[in-house]
Amino acid sequence: MIHSITQYSRVITQTLPAFFGIGAYLGTRQSLQHFSSRIRSTLFVVTHIRIYAAKQMSRLVARAITSLGRSAITCNSARSFHATSLNMVIAVGDKVPSVDLYEDTPANKVNLAQLSQGKKIIVFAVPGAFTPGCSKTHLPGYVQKADELKAKGYSEIICIGVNDPFVMAAWGKDQNTQGKVRMLADPAGAFTDAVDLSVDLAVLGGKRSKRYSMIIEDGTVKELNVEPDNTGLSCSLADKIK
């Protein structure tokens, strides 16, 4: 069993002469020693490359674990790994994905990447239409502050829910959002998956959106606030928008 680079090079030095004969061994001993030295150097470099790669992978894993832990206890305004996906959560500086949402009916498509061109808009997402926290606090807060926020330069205020467009329209009517907040449906969760902010909420019917707020300007994310526990009411509220 060969246990080290030195042993490996020594075995090569001792074995190769058998292939060339004693005379060749005596005549080429210096060449073999040089050859052995080069092998030793090469193996040394390869070994250290493997060690370096292993250390780098360990650092990446540690960073991913740290990022997951941080997103569980603070408002998530930076990029992090999704626990059940190889995707990355959309981050400040990213372009908004060009995915259609629906307003009022399946025939009326709205694309945020296009809608935000030359504009600054507010987007906030809810886990579900007509749910208590969304109906009593989250959506009403934006409705109440709509005029104030638009006076600050925001052209549109968008509410997104993983519900069908008819449900979102009915919820908007119930909450008096007309002219203040546009109610957009993401029925299959395509947009929510594209920004990697979906969450499995079986009690609400399966895949839903995490609760978050986002500021988009000219198609680019300028601010992102994801609730630490995915559904709470803190950093994504209307009064946090500046």
C-alpha atoms as a PDB file:
ATOM      1  CA  MET A   1       0.000   0.000   0.000  1.00  0.00           C
ATOM      2  CA  ILE A   2       1.360   3.388  -1.018  1.00  0.00           C
ATOM      3  CA  HIS A   3       0.506   6.037   1.563  1.00  0.00           C
ATOM      4  CA  SER A   4       2.334   9.168   0.422  1.00  0.00           C
ATOM      5  CA  ILE A   5       3.666  11.076  -2.562  1.00  0.00           C
ATOM      6  CA  THR A   6       7.250  10.315  -1.505  1.00  0.00           C
ATOM      7  CA  GLN A   7       6.572   6.560  -1.399  1.00  0.00           C
ATOM      8  CA  TYR A   8       4.883   6.731  -4.788  1.00  0.00           C
ATOM      9  CA  SER A   9       7.836   8.467  -6.455  1.00  0.00           C
ATOM     10  CA  ARG A  10      10.271   6.047  -4.763  1.00  0.00           C
ATOM     11  CA  VAL A  11       8.358   3.066  -6.161  1.00  0.00           C
ATOM     12  CA  ILE A  12       8.491   4.562  -9.644  1.00  0.00           C
ATOM     13  CA  THR A  13      12.248   5.154  -9.358  1.00  0.00           C
ATOM     14  CA  GLN A  14      12.826   1.556  -8.244  1.00  0.00           C
ATOM     15  CA  THR A  15      10.444  -0.081 -10.703  1.00  0.00           C
ATOM     16  CA  LEU A  16      11.137   1.626 -14.020  1.00  0.00           C
ATOM     17  CA  PRO A  17      14.728   0.296 -14.333  1.00  0.00           C
ATOM     18  CA  ALA A  18      13.327  -3.217 -14.655  1.00  0.00           C
ATOM     19  CA  PHE A  19      11.849  -2.221 -17.961  1.00  0.00           C
ATOM     20  CA  PHE A  20      15.105  -0.857 -19.323  1.00  0.00           C
ATOM     21  CA  GLY A  21      17.658  -3.322 -17.927  1.00  0.00           C
ATOM     22  CA  ILE A  22      20.565  -2.806 -15.539  1.00  0.00           C
ATOM     23  CA  GLY A  23      22.702  -1.082 -18.160  1.00  0.00           C
ATOM     24  CA  ALA A  24      19.949   1.320 -19.001  1.00  0.00           C
ATOM     25  CA  TYR A  25      19.417   1.860 -15.292  1.00  0.00           C
ATOM     26  CA  LEU A  26      23.053   2.803 -14.745  1.00  0.00           C
ATOM     27  CA  GLY A  27      23.050   5.041 -17.802  1.00  0.00           C
ATOM     28  CA  THR A  28      19.774   6.760 -17.109  1.00  0.00           C
ATOM     29  CA  ARG A  29      19.755   6.947 -13.320  1.00  0.00           C
ATOM     30  CA  GLN A  30      20.064  10.737 -13.386  1.00  0.00           C
ATOM     31  CA  SER A  31      17.191  10.996 -15.880  1.00  0.00           C
ATOM     32  CA  LEU A  32      15.043   8.724 -13.729  1.00  0.00           C
ATOM     33  CA  GLN A  33      15.782  10.787 -10.653  1.00  0.00           C
ATOM     34  CA  HIS A  34      14.783  13.902 -12.579  1.00  0.00           C
ATOM     35  CA  PHE A  35      11.640  12.110 -13.817  1.00  0.00           C
ATOM     36  CA  SER A  36      10.827  11.031 -10.267  1.00  0.00           C
ATOM     37  CA  SER A  37      11.292  14.583  -9.024  1.00  0.00           C
ATOM     38  CA  ARG A  38       8.883  15.912 -11.635  1.00  0.00           C
ATOM     39  CA  ILE A  39       6.294  13.273 -10.732  1.00  0.00           C
ATOM     40  CA  ARG A  40       6.668  14.174  -7.059  1.00  0.00           C
ATOM     41  CA  SER A  41       6.138  17.870  -7.881  1.00  0.00           C
ATOM     42  CA  THR A  42       3.124  17.136 -10.071  1.00  0.00           C
ATOM     43  CA  LEU A  43       1.473  14.922  -7.464  1.00  0.00           C
ATOM     44  CA  PHE A  44       2.158  17.552  -4.818  1.00  0.00           C
ATOM     45  CA  VAL A  45       0.372  20.196  -6.910  1.00  0.00           C
ATOM     46  CA  VAL A  46      -2.557  17.876  -7.723  1.00  0.00           C
ATOM     47  CA  THR A  47      -2.972  16.959  -4.070  1.00  0.00           C
ATOM     48  CA  HIS A  48      -3.031  20.587  -2.992  1.00  0.00           C
ATOM     49  CA  ILE A  49      -5.533  21.441  -5.720  1.00  0.00           C
ATOM     50  CA  ARG A  50      -7.824  18.705  -4.382  1.00  0.00           C
ATOM     51  CA  ILE A  51      -7.403  19.988  -0.830  1.00  0.00           C
ATOM     52  CA  TYR A  52      -8.121  23.561  -1.957  1.00  0.00           C
ATOM     53  CA  ALA A  53     -11.233  22.441  -3.855  1.00  0.00           C
ATOM     54  CA  ALA A  54     -12.500  20.544  -0.816  1.00  0.00           C
ATOM     55  CA  LYS A  55     -11.977  23.595   1.404  1.00  0.00           C
ATOM     56  CA  GLN A  56     -13.776  25.852  -1.076  1.00  0.00           C
ATOM     57  CA  MET A  57     -16.735  23.461  -1.229  1.00  0.00           C
ATOM     58  CA  SER A  58     -16.881  23.389   2.564  1.00  0.00           C
ATOM     59  CA  ARG A  59     -16.943  27.197   2.635  1.00  0.00           C
ATOM     60  CA  LEU A  60     -19.779  27.293   0.078  1.00  0.00           C
ATOM     61  CA  VAL A  61     -21.846  24.794   2.067  1.00  0.00           C
ATOM     62  CA  ALA A  62     -21.216  26.749   5.268  1.00  0.00           C
ATOM     63  CA  ARG A  63     -22.306  29.979   3.586  1.00  0.00           C
ATOM     64  CA  ALA A  64     -25.480  28.336   2.287  1.00  0.00           C
ATOM     65  CA  ILE A  65     -26.347  27.010   5.742  1.00  0.00           C
ATOM     66  CA  THR A  66     -25.633  30.400   7.297  1.00  0.00           C
ATOM     67  CA  SER A  67     -27.782  32.112   4.682  1.00  0.00           C
ATOM     68  CA  LEU A  68     -30.680  29.763   5.358  1.00  0.00           C
ATOM     69  CA  GLY A  69     -30.395  30.370   9.070  1.00  0.00           C
ATOM     70  CA  ARG A  70     -30.250  34.124   8.622  1.00  0.00           C
ATOM     71  CA  SER A  71     -33.319  34.196   6.389  1.00  0.00           C
ATOM     72  CA  ALA A  72     -35.223  32.342   9.099  1.00  0.00           C
ATOM     73  CA  ILE A  73     -34.727  35.095  11.677  1.00  0.00           C
ATOM     74  CA  THR A  74     -34.452  38.373   9.775  1.00  0.00           C
ATOM     75  CA  CYS A  75     -36.191  40.151   6.942  1.00  0.00           C
ATOM     76  CA  ASN A  76     -34.540  38.788   3.859  1.00  0.00           C
ATOM     77  CA  SER A  77     -33.269  41.627   1.685  1.00  0.00           C
ATOM     78  CA  ALA A  78     -30.329  39.765   0.144  1.00  0.00           C
ATOM     79  CA  ARG A  79     -29.850  36.690  -2.014  1.00  0.00           C
ATOM     80  CA  SER A  80     -30.145  33.327  -0.299  1.00  0.00           C
ATOM     81  CA  PHE A  81     -30.570  29.678  -1.218  1.00  0.00           C
ATOM     82  CA  HIS A  82     -34.071  28.241  -1.189  1.00  0.00           C
ATOM     83  CA  ALA A  83     -34.215  25.250   1.142  1.00  0.00           C
ATOM     84  CA  THR A  84     -35.931  22.998  -1.409  1.00  0.00           C
ATOM     85  CA  SER A  85     -34.535  24.305  -4.676  1.00  0.00           C
ATOM     86  CA  LEU A  86     -31.337  24.804  -6.612  1.00  0.00           C
ATOM     87  CA  ASN A  87     -32.642  28.211  -7.703  1.00  0.00           C
ATOM     88  CA  MET A  88     -31.698  31.445  -6.041  1.00  0.00           C
ATOM     89  CA  VAL A  89     -34.167  33.852  -4.496  1.00  0.00           C
ATOM     90  CA  ILE A  90     -34.451  36.995  -6.601  1.00  0.00           C
ATOM     91  CA  ALA A  91     -32.246  39.742  -5.198  1.00  0.00           C
ATOM     92  CA  VAL A  92     -31.718  43.480  -5.381  1.00  0.00           C
ATOM     93  CA  GLY A  93     -30.186  44.280  -8.760  1.00  0.00           C
ATOM     94  CA  ASP A  94     -31.860  41.377 -10.557  1.00  0.00           C
ATOM     95  CA  LYS A  95     -34.220  41.825 -13.480  1.00  0.00           C
ATOM     96  CA  VAL A  96     -37.841  40.906 -12.847  1.00  0.00           C
ATOM     97  CA  PRO A  97     -38.730  37.714 -14.732  1.00  0.00           C
ATOM     98  CA  SER A  98     -40.958  38.151 -17.758  1.00  0.00           C
ATOM     99  CA  VAL A  99     -43.866  36.018 -16.551  1.00  0.00           C
ATOM    100  CA  ASP A 100     -47.538  36.808 -17.110  1.00  0.00           C
ATOM    101  CA  LEU A 101     -49.924  37.509 -14.247  1.00  0.00           C
ATOM    102  CA  TYR A 102     -53.680  37.942 -14.609  1.00  0.00           C
ATOM    103  CA  GLU A 103     -56.015  40.796 -13.689  1.00  0.00           C
ATOM    104  CA  ASP A 104     -59.760  40.145 -13.293  1.00  0.00           C
ATOM    105  CA  THR A 105     -59.922  37.388 -15.952  1.00  0.00           C
ATOM    106  CA  PRO A 106     -57.564  34.828 -17.569  1.00  0.00           C
ATOM    107  CA  ALA A 107     -57.725  36.887 -20.762  1.00  0.00           C
ATOM    108  CA  ASN A 108     -56.204  40.005 -19.200  1.00  0.00           C
ATOM    109  CA  LYS A 109     -52.462  39.421 -18.886  1.00  0.00           C
ATOM    110  CA  VAL A 110     -50.074  41.726 -17.045  1.00  0.00           C
ATOM    111  CA  ASN A 111     -46.299  41.412 -17.291  1.00  0.00           C
ATOM    112  CA  LEU A 112     -44.383  43.185 -14.509  1.00  0.00           C
ATOM    113  CA  ALA A 113     -41.169  43.353 -16.536  1.00  0.00           C
ATOM    114  CA  GLN A 114     -43.051  45.368 -19.149  1.00  0.00           C
ATOM    115  CA  LEU A 115     -45.291  47.262 -16.727  1.00  0.00           C
ATOM    116  CA  SER A 116     -42.318  48.621 -14.776  1.00  0.00           C
ATOM    117  CA  GLN A 117     -40.435  49.971 -17.787  1.00  0.00           C
ATOM    118  CA  GLY A 118     -39.759  53.646 -17.123  1.00  0.00           C
ATOM    119  CA  LYS A 119     -41.662  53.409 -13.839  1.00  0.00           C
ATOM    120  CA  LYS A 120     -41.144  52.709 -10.167  1.00  0.00           C
ATOM    121  CA  ILE A 121     -43.721  50.314  -8.749  1.00  0.00           C
ATOM    122  CA  ILE A 122     -44.463  48.541  -5.480  1.00  0.00           C
ATOM    123  CA  VAL A 123     -45.235  44.837  -5.502  1.00  0.00           C
ATOM    124  CA  PHE A 124     -46.349  42.914  -2.452  1.00  0.00           C
ATOM    125  CA  ALA A 125     -47.391  39.281  -2.267  1.00  0.00           C
ATOM    126  CA  VAL A 126     -49.749  37.489   0.077  1.00  0.00           C
ATOM    127  CA  PRO A 127     -50.096  33.818   1.068  1.00  0.00           C
ATOM    128  CA  GLY A 128     -53.788  33.811   0.180  1.00  0.00           C
ATOM    129  CA  ALA A 129     -56.774  35.962  -0.726  1.00  0.00           C
ATOM    130  CA  PHE A 130     -59.379  36.448   2.014  1.00  0.00           C
ATOM    131  CA  THR A 131     -57.066  35.051   4.714  1.00  0.00           C
ATOM    132  CA  PRO A 132     -57.183  36.946   8.054  1.00  0.00           C
ATOM    133  CA  GLY A 133     -53.735  38.564   8.134  1.00  0.00           C
ATOM    134  CA  CYS A 134     -53.925  39.495   4.467  1.00  0.00           C
ATOM    135  CA  SER A 135     -57.454  40.916   4.736  1.00  0.00           C
ATOM    136  CA  LYS A 136     -57.145  42.706   8.062  1.00  0.00           C
ATOM    137  CA  THR A 137     -53.620  44.102   7.881  1.00  0.00           C
ATOM    138  CA  HIS A 138     -51.504  43.571   4.785  1.00  0.00           C
ATOM    139  CA  LEU A 139     -53.770  44.615   1.910  1.00  0.00           C
ATOM    140  CA  PRO A 140     -55.688  47.319   3.862  1.00  0.00           C
ATOM    141  CA  GLY A 141     -52.392  48.969   4.795  1.00  0.00           C
ATOM    142  CA  TYR A 142     -51.496  49.507   1.141  1.00  0.00           C
ATOM    143  CA  VAL A 143     -55.021  50.637   0.279  1.00  0.00           C
ATOM    144  CA  GLN A 144     -54.935  53.229   3.056  1.00  0.00           C
ATOM    145  CA  LYS A 145     -51.473  54.492   2.106  1.00  0.00           C
ATOM    146  CA  ALA A 146     -51.933  54.318  -1.667  1.00  0.00           C
ATOM    147  CA  ASP A 147     -52.260  58.068  -2.232  1.00  0.00           C
ATOM    148  CA  GLU A 148     -49.316  58.805   0.062  1.00  0.00           C
ATOM    149  CA  LEU A 149     -47.113  56.230  -1.662  1.00  0.00           C
ATOM    150  CA  LYS A 150     -48.036  57.408  -5.141  1.00  0.00           C
ATOM    151  CA  ALA A 151     -47.210  60.961  -4.089  1.00  0.00           C
ATOM    152  CA  LYS A 152     -43.687  59.678  -3.383  1.00  0.00           C
ATOM    153  CA  GLY A 153     -43.301  58.669  -7.015  1.00  0.00           C
ATOM    154  CA  TYR A 154     -44.608  55.109  -7.157  1.00  0.00           C
ATOM    155  CA  SER A 155     -46.700  54.676 -10.305  1.00  0.00           C
ATOM    156  CA  GLU A 156     -48.401  51.419  -9.390  1.00  0.00           C
ATOM    157  CA  ILE A 157     -49.086  49.301  -6.315  1.00  0.00           C
ATOM    158  CA  ILE A 158     -49.494  45.619  -7.136  1.00  0.00           C
ATOM    159  CA  CYS A 159     -50.815  42.816  -4.947  1.00  0.00           C
ATOM    160  CA  ILE A 160     -49.965  39.253  -6.035  1.00  0.00           C
ATOM    161  CA  GLY A 161     -51.587  36.069  -4.778  1.00  0.00           C
ATOM    162  CA  VAL A 162     -51.385  32.450  -5.900  1.00  0.00           C
ATOM    163  CA  ASN A 163     -55.117  32.391  -6.559  1.00  0.00           C
ATOM    164  CA  ASP A 164     -57.207  32.498  -9.720  1.00  0.00           C
ATOM    165  CA  PRO A 165     -57.981  35.942 -11.195  1.00  0.00           C
ATOM    166  CA  PHE A 166     -61.664  35.785 -10.256  1.00  0.00           C
ATOM    167  CA  VAL A 167     -60.841  35.236  -6.586  1.00  0.00           C
ATOM    168  CA  MET A 168     -58.316  38.087  -6.600  1.00  0.00           C
ATOM    169  CA  ALA A 169     -60.860  40.377  -8.304  1.00  0.00           C
ATOM    170  CA  ALA A 170     -63.547  39.494  -5.755  1.00  0.00           C
ATOM    171  CA  TRP A 171     -61.129  40.075  -2.890  1.00  0.00           C
ATOM    172  CA  GLY A 172     -60.149  43.439  -4.342  1.00  0.00           C
ATOM    173  CA  LYS A 173     -63.799  44.460  -4.580  1.00  0.00           C
ATOM    174  CA  ASP A 174     -64.338  43.415  -0.971  1.00  0.00           C
ATOM    175  CA  GLN A 175     -61.325  45.511   0.107  1.00  0.00           C
ATOM    176  CA  ASN A 176     -62.159  48.578  -2.020  1.00  0.00           C
ATOM    177  CA  THR A 177     -58.872  48.471  -3.930  1.00  0.00           C
ATOM    178  CA  GLN A 178     -60.229  50.137  -7.079  1.00  0.00           C
ATOM    179  CA  GLY A 179     -57.842  52.859  -8.251  1.00  0.00           C
ATOM    180  CA  LYS A 180     -55.445  52.178  -5.395  1.00  0.00           C
ATOM    181  CA  VAL A 181     -54.043  48.642  -5.578  1.00  0.00           C
ATOM    182  CA  ARG A 182     -54.108  46.353  -8.610  1.00  0.00           C
ATOM    183  CA  MET A 183     -54.968  42.748  -7.787  1.00  0.00           C
ATOM    184  CA  LEU A 184     -52.942  40.315  -9.904  1.00  0.00           C
ATOM    185  CA  ALA A 185     -53.364  36.554  -9.863  1.00  0.00           C
ATOM    186  CA  ASP A 186     -50.574  34.011 -10.213  1.00  0.00           C
ATOM    187  CA  PRO A 187     -52.844  30.942 -10.525  1.00  0.00           C
ATOM    188  CA  ALA A 188     -50.182  28.318 -11.232  1.00  0.00           C
ATOM    189  CA  GLY A 189     -47.488  30.060  -9.186  1.00  0.00           C
ATOM    190  CA  ALA A 190     -45.365  30.647 -12.295  1.00  0.00           C
ATOM    191  CA  PHE A 191     -44.179  34.109 -11.257  1.00  0.00           C
ATOM    192  CA  THR A 192     -43.746  33.039  -7.633  1.00  0.00           C
ATOM    193  CA  ASP A 193     -41.593  30.101  -8.718  1.00  0.00           C
ATOM    194  CA  ALA A 194     -39.594  32.321 -11.079  1.00  0.00           C
ATOM    195  CA  VAL A 195     -38.563  34.571  -8.177  1.00  0.00           C
ATOM    196  CA  ASP A 196     -38.166  31.470  -5.952  1.00  0.00           C
ATOM    197  CA  LEU A 197     -40.489  32.761  -3.242  1.00  0.00           C
ATOM    198  CA  SER A 198     -43.013  29.938  -3.100  1.00  0.00           C
ATOM    199  CA  VAL A 199     -43.902  28.091   0.085  1.00  0.00           C
ATOM    200  CA  ASP A 200     -45.828  24.873   0.656  1.00  0.00           C
ATOM    201  CA  LEU A 201     -48.870  25.692   2.790  1.00  0.00           C
ATOM    202  CA  ALA A 202     -51.020  22.573   2.771  1.00  0.00           C
ATOM    203  CA  VAL A 203     -53.578  24.198   5.062  1.00  0.00           C
ATOM    204  CA  LEU A 204     -54.227  26.802   2.335  1.00  0.00           C
ATOM    205  CA  GLY A 205     -54.311  24.315  -0.515  1.00  0.00           C
ATOM    206  CA  GLY A 206     -50.657  23.686  -1.340  1.00  0.00           C
ATOM    207  CA  LYS A 207     -48.172  25.992  -3.055  1.00  0.00           C
ATOM    208  CA  ARG A 208     -48.545  29.650  -2.106  1.00  0.00           C
ATOM    209  CA  SER A 209     -46.410  32.776  -2.085  1.00  0.00           C
ATOM    210  CA  LYS A 210     -44.278  33.862   0.811  1.00  0.00           C
ATOM    211  CA  ARG A 211     -45.287  37.245   2.146  1.00  0.00           C
ATOM    212  CA  TYR A 212     -42.961  39.929   0.798  1.00  0.00           C
ATOM    213  CA  SER A 213     -42.724  43.424  -0.610  1.00  0.00           C
ATOM    214  CA  MET A 214     -40.614  44.479  -3.562  1.00  0.00           C
ATOM    215  CA  ILE A 215     -39.789  47.771  -5.224  1.00  0.00           C
ATOM    216  CA  ILE A 216     -39.164  47.527  -8.957  1.00  0.00           C
ATOM    217  CA  GLU A 217     -37.797  50.346 -11.067  1.00  0.00           C
ATOM    218  CA  ASP A 218     -37.414  50.077 -14.823  1.00  0.00           C
ATOM    219  CA  GLY A 219     -37.584  46.286 -14.638  1.00  0.00           C
ATOM    220  CA  THR A 220     -34.951  45.946 -11.906  1.00  0.00           C
ATOM    221  CA  VAL A 221     -35.465  44.994  -8.260  1.00  0.00           C
ATOM    222  CA  LYS A 222     -34.438  47.915  -6.044  1.00  0.00           C
ATOM    223  CA  GLU A 223     -35.642  46.570  -2.703  1.00  0.00           C
ATOM    224  CA  LEU A 224     -36.850  43.188  -1.429  1.00  0.00           C
ATOM    225  CA  ASN A 225     -38.252  42.354   1.998  1.00  0.00           C
ATOM    226  CA  VAL A 226     -39.319  38.781   2.703  1.00  0.00           C
ATOM    227  CA  GLU A 227     -41.031  37.981   5.986  1.00  0.00           C
ATOM    228  CA  PRO A 228     -38.702  35.914   8.221  1.00  0.00           C
ATOM    229  CA  ASP A 229     -41.289  33.206   8.852  1.00  0.00           C
ATOM    230  CA  ASN A 230     -42.759  33.477   5.317  1.00  0.00           C
ATOM    231  CA  THR A 231     -46.230  34.565   6.457  1.00  0.00           C
ATOM    232  CA  GLY A 232     -45.774  37.091   9.291  1.00  0.00           C
ATOM    233  CA  LEU A 233     -46.575  40.795   9.162  1.00  0.00           C
ATOM    234  CA  SER A 234     -43.539  42.980   9.759  1.00  0.00           C
ATOM    235  CA  CYS A 235     -41.061  44.071   7.096  1.00  0.00           C
ATOM    236  CA  SER A 236     -43.429  43.769   4.123  1.00  0.00           C
ATOM    237  CA  LEU A 237     -46.064  46.179   5.446  1.00  0.00           C
ATOM    238  CA  ALA A 238     -46.979  49.423   3.694  1.00  0.00           C
ATOM    239  CA  ASP A 239     -45.560  51.623   6.439  1.00  0.00           C
ATOM    240  CA  LYS A 240     -42.103  50.121   5.797  1.00  0.00           C
ATOM    241  CA  ILE A 241     -42.003  51.459   2.245  1.00  0.00           C
ATOM    242  CA  LYS A 242     -39.944  54.648   1.986  1.00  0.00           C
END
